[in-house]
Amino acid sequence: MLGRRERTEKDGRWLAAAILLTLVLAALATPERRARQRVFAEARVLAPQVIVLDPGHGGIDTGAAGPAGVVEKDITLPVCVYLKEYFQQSGARVLLVRTDDRELSEDLVEDLRARVRLAKDAGATVFLSIHGNSFPSAYEYGAQTFYYPNHPASPRLARCIQDELLRLPSPLGENYRDVQEGDFHVLRNAPCPAALVEIGFLSNPREEALLADPTYQKKLAWHIFAGTVAFLRGGGRE
């Protein structure tokens, strides 16, 4: 049986060990936490912004499909919902082109026109369209951001977002993709700086599984958000 003094010393050692462990864990978490705090502090530039988020496809238009059956329309919406939360927390006004599994028109061209029209009517200052990629080869992976040069700031917006996406750790390996010009209807006709983000390849079975994971979806949203904040603060290169 331990005496009172021995118990006190033992309790003290346990307390010291617990405090040390807490400090170590806090130190390990500090870089990511500090980065997030920095981005949210910088996000005050979002207060006057109107951000329109376009979850690609929806309803009868499923978009691309992966080998395990994950479809594009089902991953673009949750990423946009997470994005909306980040933007709203920073004071921006945010509009989702769709909030559920539906198309804006059964006619594909009219559906695309309706998405752009919503951005124009909302007075959008930034337009982000979120999609999933696909390729005949199952080995392609990685997010990639597209722009159309109808607005002089769109290439810089795409660059800022892609730079952030390149920082996203992935078990698939380093993302080597660069920004690319893309002649997409929603980019070509957007009323403001716009970018289309292909968040990954559904045709890659491993990336398909990642894209269906809410934790990974939230990470994607965070990096797209951080890239947009960097753009609005004047970052990126033309």
C-alpha atoms as a PDB file:
ATOM      1  CA  MET A   1       0.000   0.000   0.000  1.00  0.00           C
ATOM      2  CA  LEU A   2       1.327   3.436  -0.957  1.00  0.00           C
ATOM      3  CA  GLY A   3       1.708   6.072   1.718  1.00  0.00           C
ATOM      4  CA  ARG A   4       0.248   9.546   1.337  1.00  0.00           C
ATOM      5  CA  ARG A   5       3.595  11.035   0.304  1.00  0.00           C
ATOM      6  CA  GLU A   6       4.228   8.308  -2.275  1.00  0.00           C
ATOM      7  CA  ARG A   7       0.733   8.757  -3.702  1.00  0.00           C
ATOM      8  CA  THR A   8       1.262  12.509  -3.911  1.00  0.00           C
ATOM      9  CA  GLU A   9       4.579  12.076  -5.722  1.00  0.00           C
ATOM     10  CA  LYS A  10       3.054   9.537  -8.117  1.00  0.00           C
ATOM     11  CA  ASP A  11       0.052  11.780  -8.809  1.00  0.00           C
ATOM     12  CA  GLY A  12       2.449  14.653  -9.414  1.00  0.00           C
ATOM     13  CA  ARG A  13       4.418  12.631 -11.950  1.00  0.00           C
ATOM     14  CA  TRP A  14       1.230  11.640 -13.776  1.00  0.00           C
ATOM     15  CA  LEU A  15       0.087  15.265 -13.842  1.00  0.00           C
ATOM     16  CA  ALA A  16       3.450  16.427 -15.163  1.00  0.00           C
ATOM     17  CA  ALA A  17       3.376  13.736 -17.851  1.00  0.00           C
ATOM     18  CA  ALA A  18      -0.163  14.702 -18.841  1.00  0.00           C
ATOM     19  CA  ILE A  19       0.795  18.379 -19.095  1.00  0.00           C
ATOM     20  CA  LEU A  20       3.869  17.508 -21.161  1.00  0.00           C
ATOM     21  CA  LEU A  21       1.801  15.330 -23.513  1.00  0.00           C
ATOM     22  CA  THR A  22      -0.740  18.126 -23.931  1.00  0.00           C
ATOM     23  CA  LEU A  23       2.015  20.605 -24.775  1.00  0.00           C
ATOM     24  CA  VAL A  24       3.594  18.206 -27.274  1.00  0.00           C
ATOM     25  CA  LEU A  25       0.270  17.563 -29.011  1.00  0.00           C
ATOM     26  CA  ALA A  26      -0.463  21.284 -29.090  1.00  0.00           C
ATOM     27  CA  ALA A  27       2.941  21.966 -30.608  1.00  0.00           C
ATOM     28  CA  LEU A  28       2.399  19.310 -33.263  1.00  0.00           C
ATOM     29  CA  ALA A  29      -0.972  20.812 -34.175  1.00  0.00           C
ATOM     30  CA  THR A  30       0.294  24.386 -34.220  1.00  0.00           C
ATOM     31  CA  PRO A  31       1.408  24.716 -37.882  1.00  0.00           C
ATOM     32  CA  GLU A  32      -1.961  23.696 -39.348  1.00  0.00           C
ATOM     33  CA  ARG A  33      -3.884  25.631 -36.711  1.00  0.00           C
ATOM     34  CA  ARG A  34      -1.782  28.716 -37.292  1.00  0.00           C
ATOM     35  CA  ALA A  35      -2.265  28.438 -41.042  1.00  0.00           C
ATOM     36  CA  ARG A  36      -6.028  28.267 -40.640  1.00  0.00           C
ATOM     37  CA  GLN A  37      -6.041  31.177 -38.211  1.00  0.00           C
ATOM     38  CA  ARG A  38      -3.977  33.207 -40.676  1.00  0.00           C
ATOM     39  CA  VAL A  39      -6.343  32.472 -43.565  1.00  0.00           C
ATOM     40  CA  PHE A  40      -9.421  33.374 -41.526  1.00  0.00           C
ATOM     41  CA  ALA A  41      -7.713  36.591 -40.374  1.00  0.00           C
ATOM     42  CA  GLU A  42      -6.932  37.471 -43.982  1.00  0.00           C
ATOM     43  CA  ALA A  43     -10.474  36.555 -45.040  1.00  0.00           C
ATOM     44  CA  ARG A  44     -11.820  39.873 -43.774  1.00  0.00           C
ATOM     45  CA  VAL A  45     -11.500  40.989 -47.423  1.00  0.00           C
ATOM     46  CA  LEU A  46     -14.499  38.722 -48.106  1.00  0.00           C
ATOM     47  CA  ALA A  47     -16.991  40.910 -46.247  1.00  0.00           C
ATOM     48  CA  PRO A  48     -18.149  42.874 -49.335  1.00  0.00           C
ATOM     49  CA  GLN A  49     -17.842  39.923 -51.737  1.00  0.00           C
ATOM     50  CA  VAL A  50     -20.634  37.989 -53.444  1.00  0.00           C
ATOM     51  CA  ILE A  51     -19.437  34.434 -54.069  1.00  0.00           C
ATOM     52  CA  VAL A  52     -21.471  32.206 -56.394  1.00  0.00           C
ATOM     53  CA  LEU A  53     -20.736  28.482 -56.113  1.00  0.00           C
ATOM     54  CA  ASP A  54     -21.739  26.136 -58.913  1.00  0.00           C
ATOM     55  CA  PRO A  55     -21.895  22.427 -57.963  1.00  0.00           C
ATOM     56  CA  GLY A  56     -21.477  20.822 -61.376  1.00  0.00           C
ATOM     57  CA  HIS A  57     -24.285  18.726 -62.879  1.00  0.00           C
ATOM     58  CA  GLY A  58     -27.311  17.533 -60.871  1.00  0.00           C
ATOM     59  CA  GLY A  59     -30.609  15.742 -61.379  1.00  0.00           C
ATOM     60  CA  ILE A  60     -30.782  13.803 -64.634  1.00  0.00           C
ATOM     61  CA  ASP A  61     -27.283  15.049 -65.490  1.00  0.00           C
ATOM     62  CA  THR A  62     -25.081  12.824 -63.337  1.00  0.00           C
ATOM     63  CA  GLY A  63     -21.753  13.878 -64.831  1.00  0.00           C
ATOM     64  CA  ALA A  64     -18.807  11.480 -64.756  1.00  0.00           C
ATOM     65  CA  ALA A  65     -18.977   8.182 -62.863  1.00  0.00           C
ATOM     66  CA  GLY A  66     -16.252   6.150 -61.182  1.00  0.00           C
ATOM     67  CA  PRO A  67     -15.760   2.366 -61.317  1.00  0.00           C
ATOM     68  CA  ALA A  68     -17.304   1.978 -57.848  1.00  0.00           C
ATOM     69  CA  GLY A  69     -20.369   3.964 -58.873  1.00  0.00           C
ATOM     70  CA  VAL A  70     -19.565   7.374 -57.350  1.00  0.00           C
ATOM     71  CA  VAL A  71     -21.072  10.022 -59.622  1.00  0.00           C
ATOM     72  CA  GLU A  72     -19.870  13.558 -60.146  1.00  0.00           C
ATOM     73  CA  LYS A  73     -23.075  15.330 -59.125  1.00  0.00           C
ATOM     74  CA  ASP A  74     -22.912  13.662 -55.688  1.00  0.00           C
ATOM     75  CA  ILE A  75     -19.427  14.943 -54.835  1.00  0.00           C
ATOM     76  CA  THR A  76     -19.621  18.475 -56.208  1.00  0.00           C
ATOM     77  CA  LEU A  77     -22.529  19.505 -53.985  1.00  0.00           C
ATOM     78  CA  PRO A  78     -21.015  18.613 -50.573  1.00  0.00           C
ATOM     79  CA  VAL A  79     -17.728  20.311 -51.492  1.00  0.00           C
ATOM     80  CA  CYS A  80     -19.702  23.453 -52.352  1.00  0.00           C
ATOM     81  CA  VAL A  81     -21.651  23.224 -49.092  1.00  0.00           C
ATOM     82  CA  TYR A  82     -18.381  23.133 -47.130  1.00  0.00           C
ATOM     83  CA  LEU A  83     -17.096  26.031 -49.234  1.00  0.00           C
ATOM     84  CA  LYS A  84     -20.225  28.010 -48.465  1.00  0.00           C
ATOM     85  CA  GLU A  85     -19.670  27.524 -44.731  1.00  0.00           C
ATOM     86  CA  TYR A  86     -16.095  28.830 -44.945  1.00  0.00           C
ATOM     87  CA  PHE A  87     -17.082  31.853 -47.008  1.00  0.00           C
ATOM     88  CA  GLN A  88     -20.049  32.704 -44.787  1.00  0.00           C
ATOM     89  CA  GLN A  89     -17.923  32.444 -41.640  1.00  0.00           C
ATOM     90  CA  SER A  90     -15.723  35.117 -43.200  1.00  0.00           C
ATOM     91  CA  GLY A  91     -18.568  37.521 -43.906  1.00  0.00           C
ATOM     92  CA  ALA A  92     -19.128  36.949 -47.619  1.00  0.00           C
ATOM     93  CA  ARG A  93     -22.546  36.668 -49.196  1.00  0.00           C
ATOM     94  CA  VAL A  94     -22.761  33.222 -50.808  1.00  0.00           C
ATOM     95  CA  LEU A  95     -25.158  31.742 -53.343  1.00  0.00           C
ATOM     96  CA  LEU A  96     -25.298  28.066 -54.315  1.00  0.00           C
ATOM     97  CA  VAL A  97     -26.508  27.493 -57.873  1.00  0.00           C
ATOM     98  CA  ARG A  98     -28.212  24.333 -56.614  1.00  0.00           C
ATOM     99  CA  THR A  99     -28.789  23.114 -53.078  1.00  0.00           C
ATOM    100  CA  ASP A 100     -30.060  19.622 -53.855  1.00  0.00           C
ATOM    101  CA  ASP A 101     -29.948  16.924 -56.526  1.00  0.00           C
ATOM    102  CA  ARG A 102     -31.611  18.717 -59.421  1.00  0.00           C
ATOM    103  CA  GLU A 103     -30.826  20.204 -62.782  1.00  0.00           C
ATOM    104  CA  LEU A 104     -31.706  23.799 -63.658  1.00  0.00           C
ATOM    105  CA  SER A 105     -33.091  22.672 -67.011  1.00  0.00           C
ATOM    106  CA  GLU A 106     -33.467  19.348 -68.800  1.00  0.00           C
ATOM    107  CA  ASP A 107     -31.790  21.025 -71.766  1.00  0.00           C
ATOM    108  CA  LEU A 108     -28.018  20.993 -71.173  1.00  0.00           C
ATOM    109  CA  VAL A 109     -27.304  24.326 -72.863  1.00  0.00           C
ATOM    110  CA  GLU A 110     -30.142  26.051 -71.034  1.00  0.00           C
ATOM    111  CA  ASP A 111     -28.948  24.511 -67.768  1.00  0.00           C
ATOM    112  CA  LEU A 112     -25.528  26.116 -68.261  1.00  0.00           C
ATOM    113  CA  ARG A 113     -27.092  29.433 -69.238  1.00  0.00           C
ATOM    114  CA  ALA A 114     -29.222  29.373 -66.095  1.00  0.00           C
ATOM    115  CA  ARG A 115     -26.130  28.921 -63.907  1.00  0.00           C
ATOM    116  CA  VAL A 116     -24.466  31.954 -65.459  1.00  0.00           C
ATOM    117  CA  ARG A 117     -27.697  33.939 -65.254  1.00  0.00           C
ATOM    118  CA  LEU A 118     -27.919  33.284 -61.506  1.00  0.00           C
ATOM    119  CA  ALA A 119     -24.395  34.644 -61.085  1.00  0.00           C
ATOM    120  CA  LYS A 120     -25.246  37.773 -63.069  1.00  0.00           C
ATOM    121  CA  ASP A 121     -28.489  38.368 -61.168  1.00  0.00           C
ATOM    122  CA  ALA A 122     -26.700  37.948 -57.826  1.00  0.00           C
ATOM    123  CA  GLY A 123     -24.036  40.512 -58.729  1.00  0.00           C
ATOM    124  CA  ALA A 124     -21.301  37.907 -58.285  1.00  0.00           C
ATOM    125  CA  THR A 125     -17.778  39.161 -57.679  1.00  0.00           C
ATOM    126  CA  VAL A 126     -16.307  35.624 -57.841  1.00  0.00           C
ATOM    127  CA  PHE A 127     -17.761  32.567 -59.597  1.00  0.00           C
ATOM    128  CA  LEU A 128     -16.480  29.071 -58.754  1.00  0.00           C
ATOM    129  CA  SER A 129     -17.663  25.973 -60.610  1.00  0.00           C
ATOM    130  CA  ILE A 130     -16.802  22.627 -58.992  1.00  0.00           C
ATOM    131  CA  HIS A 131     -16.506  19.438 -61.055  1.00  0.00           C
ATOM    132  CA  GLY A 132     -15.014  15.960 -61.045  1.00  0.00           C
ATOM    133  CA  ASN A 133     -12.661  14.751 -63.772  1.00  0.00           C
ATOM    134  CA  SER A 134     -12.468  11.520 -65.751  1.00  0.00           C
ATOM    135  CA  PHE A 135      -9.992   9.954 -68.174  1.00  0.00           C
ATOM    136  CA  PRO A 136      -9.698   6.622 -70.041  1.00  0.00           C
ATOM    137  CA  SER A 137      -6.593   5.784 -68.003  1.00  0.00           C
ATOM    138  CA  ALA A 138      -7.239   4.825 -64.382  1.00  0.00           C
ATOM    139  CA  TYR A 139      -3.868   6.199 -63.301  1.00  0.00           C
ATOM    140  CA  GLU A 140      -4.523   9.929 -63.723  1.00  0.00           C
ATOM    141  CA  TYR A 141      -5.081  11.814 -60.460  1.00  0.00           C
ATOM    142  CA  GLY A 142      -5.014  15.263 -58.930  1.00  0.00           C
ATOM    143  CA  ALA A 143      -7.096  18.425 -58.798  1.00  0.00           C
ATOM    144  CA  GLN A 144      -6.737  21.002 -61.557  1.00  0.00           C
ATOM    145  CA  THR A 145      -8.078  24.531 -61.982  1.00  0.00           C
ATOM    146  CA  PHE A 146      -9.254  26.067 -65.258  1.00  0.00           C
ATOM    147  CA  TYR A 147      -9.933  29.643 -66.361  1.00  0.00           C
ATOM    148  CA  TYR A 148     -11.075  31.500 -69.472  1.00  0.00           C
ATOM    149  CA  PRO A 149      -9.397  34.812 -70.345  1.00  0.00           C
ATOM    150  CA  ASN A 150     -12.625  36.772 -70.796  1.00  0.00           C
ATOM    151  CA  HIS A 151     -11.836  38.510 -67.508  1.00  0.00           C
ATOM    152  CA  PRO A 152      -8.279  39.724 -66.845  1.00  0.00           C
ATOM    153  CA  ALA A 153      -8.302  38.483 -63.230  1.00  0.00           C
ATOM    154  CA  SER A 154      -9.518  34.940 -63.955  1.00  0.00           C
ATOM    155  CA  PRO A 155      -6.036  33.472 -64.635  1.00  0.00           C
ATOM    156  CA  ARG A 156      -4.811  34.853 -61.316  1.00  0.00           C
ATOM    157  CA  LEU A 157      -7.831  33.418 -59.472  1.00  0.00           C
ATOM    158  CA  ALA A 158      -7.141  30.002 -61.001  1.00  0.00           C
ATOM    159  CA  ARG A 159      -3.454  30.247 -60.100  1.00  0.00           C
ATOM    160  CA  CYS A 160      -4.186  31.121 -56.461  1.00  0.00           C
ATOM    161  CA  ILE A 161      -6.607  28.201 -56.114  1.00  0.00           C
ATOM    162  CA  GLN A 162      -4.283  25.722 -57.830  1.00  0.00           C
ATOM    163  CA  ASP A 163      -1.333  26.818 -55.692  1.00  0.00           C
ATOM    164  CA  GLU A 164      -3.391  25.982 -52.607  1.00  0.00           C
ATOM    165  CA  LEU A 165      -4.603  22.663 -54.011  1.00  0.00           C
ATOM    166  CA  LEU A 166      -0.989  21.653 -54.637  1.00  0.00           C
ATOM    167  CA  ARG A 167      -0.473  21.943 -50.871  1.00  0.00           C
ATOM    168  CA  LEU A 168      -3.204  19.381 -50.168  1.00  0.00           C
ATOM    169  CA  PRO A 169      -1.555  16.135 -48.985  1.00  0.00           C
ATOM    170  CA  SER A 170      -2.697  13.085 -50.929  1.00  0.00           C
ATOM    171  CA  PRO A 171      -1.902   9.377 -50.507  1.00  0.00           C
ATOM    172  CA  LEU A 172      -1.806   9.189 -54.301  1.00  0.00           C
ATOM    173  CA  GLY A 173       1.383  11.229 -54.500  1.00  0.00           C
ATOM    174  CA  GLU A 174       2.384  14.758 -55.406  1.00  0.00           C
ATOM    175  CA  ASN A 175      -0.043  16.700 -57.586  1.00  0.00           C
ATOM    176  CA  TYR A 176       1.906  17.964 -60.599  1.00  0.00           C
ATOM    177  CA  ARG A 177      -0.963  19.669 -62.425  1.00  0.00           C
ATOM    178  CA  ASP A 178      -0.883  23.314 -63.462  1.00  0.00           C
ATOM    179  CA  VAL A 179      -3.642  25.789 -64.259  1.00  0.00           C
ATOM    180  CA  GLN A 180      -5.064  25.508 -67.738  1.00  0.00           C
ATOM    181  CA  GLU A 181      -7.225  27.594 -70.035  1.00  0.00           C
ATOM    182  CA  GLY A 182     -10.601  25.934 -70.540  1.00  0.00           C
ATOM    183  CA  ASP A 183     -13.306  26.896 -73.002  1.00  0.00           C
ATOM    184  CA  PHE A 184     -16.253  26.038 -70.745  1.00  0.00           C
ATOM    185  CA  HIS A 185     -19.601  27.803 -71.113  1.00  0.00           C
ATOM    186  CA  VAL A 186     -19.802  28.894 -67.472  1.00  0.00           C
ATOM    187  CA  LEU A 187     -16.294  30.379 -67.624  1.00  0.00           C
ATOM    188  CA  ARG A 188     -16.682  31.947 -71.049  1.00  0.00           C
ATOM    189  CA  ASN A 189     -19.868  33.755 -70.015  1.00  0.00           C
ATOM    190  CA  ALA A 190     -19.203  34.473 -66.336  1.00  0.00           C
ATOM    191  CA  PRO A 191     -19.781  38.126 -65.368  1.00  0.00           C
ATOM    192  CA  CYS A 192     -16.778  38.246 -63.025  1.00  0.00           C
ATOM    193  CA  PRO A 193     -13.465  36.500 -62.287  1.00  0.00           C
ATOM    194  CA  ALA A 194     -14.240  32.788 -62.537  1.00  0.00           C
ATOM    195  CA  ALA A 195     -12.547  29.428 -62.133  1.00  0.00           C
ATOM    196  CA  LEU A 196     -13.606  25.843 -62.721  1.00  0.00           C
ATOM    197  CA  VAL A 197     -12.023  23.326 -60.366  1.00  0.00           C
ATOM    198  CA  GLU A 198     -11.805  19.660 -61.334  1.00  0.00           C
ATOM    199  CA  ILE A 199     -11.321  18.290 -57.811  1.00  0.00           C
ATOM    200  CA  GLY A 200      -9.961  14.904 -58.893  1.00  0.00           C
ATOM    201  CA  PHE A 201     -10.368  11.929 -61.212  1.00  0.00           C
ATOM    202  CA  LEU A 202     -13.363   9.695 -60.600  1.00  0.00           C
ATOM    203  CA  SER A 203     -11.821   7.310 -63.138  1.00  0.00           C
ATOM    204  CA  ASN A 204      -9.017   6.571 -60.657  1.00  0.00           C
ATOM    205  CA  PRO A 205     -10.434   4.050 -58.124  1.00  0.00           C
ATOM    206  CA  ARG A 206      -8.285   5.340 -55.261  1.00  0.00           C
ATOM    207  CA  GLU A 207      -9.125   8.963 -55.936  1.00  0.00           C
ATOM    208  CA  GLU A 208     -12.781   8.058 -56.415  1.00  0.00           C
ATOM    209  CA  ALA A 209     -12.805   6.738 -52.836  1.00  0.00           C
ATOM    210  CA  LEU A 210     -11.150   9.924 -51.583  1.00  0.00           C
ATOM    211  CA  LEU A 211     -13.641  12.152 -53.389  1.00  0.00           C
ATOM    212  CA  ALA A 212     -16.525  10.314 -51.712  1.00  0.00           C
ATOM    213  CA  ASP A 213     -14.993  10.838 -48.246  1.00  0.00           C
ATOM    214  CA  PRO A 214     -16.511  13.826 -46.369  1.00  0.00           C
ATOM    215  CA  THR A 215     -13.215  14.478 -44.563  1.00  0.00           C
ATOM    216  CA  TYR A 216     -11.369  14.795 -47.870  1.00  0.00           C
ATOM    217  CA  GLN A 217     -14.200  16.865 -49.360  1.00  0.00           C
ATOM    218  CA  LYS A 218     -13.819  19.330 -46.515  1.00  0.00           C
ATOM    219  CA  LYS A 219     -10.058  19.536 -47.084  1.00  0.00           C
ATOM    220  CA  LEU A 220     -10.637  20.259 -50.762  1.00  0.00           C
ATOM    221  CA  ALA A 221     -13.104  22.992 -49.844  1.00  0.00           C
ATOM    222  CA  TRP A 222     -10.634  24.531 -47.403  1.00  0.00           C
ATOM    223  CA  HIS A 223      -7.860  24.780 -49.996  1.00  0.00           C
ATOM    224  CA  ILE A 224     -10.209  26.259 -52.617  1.00  0.00           C
ATOM    225  CA  PHE A 225     -11.380  28.767 -50.001  1.00  0.00           C
ATOM    226  CA  ALA A 226      -7.806  29.644 -49.004  1.00  0.00           C
ATOM    227  CA  GLY A 227      -6.878  30.146 -52.655  1.00  0.00           C
ATOM    228  CA  THR A 228      -9.820  32.478 -53.187  1.00  0.00           C
ATOM    229  CA  VAL A 229      -8.825  34.495 -50.117  1.00  0.00           C
ATOM    230  CA  ALA A 230      -5.283  34.782 -51.497  1.00  0.00           C
ATOM    231  CA  PHE A 231      -6.702  36.017 -54.820  1.00  0.00           C
ATOM    232  CA  LEU A 232      -8.881  38.661 -53.168  1.00  0.00           C
ATOM    233  CA  ARG A 233      -5.864  39.869 -51.222  1.00  0.00           C
ATOM    234  CA  GLY A 234      -3.984  40.398 -54.475  1.00  0.00           C
ATOM    235  CA  GLY A 235      -1.913  37.216 -54.490  1.00  0.00           C
ATOM    236  CA  GLY A 236      -1.023  34.937 -57.383  1.00  0.00           C
ATOM    237  CA  ARG A 237       0.728  35.520 -60.637  1.00  0.00           C
ATOM    238  CA  GLU A 238      -0.772  36.240 -64.018  1.00  0.00           C
END
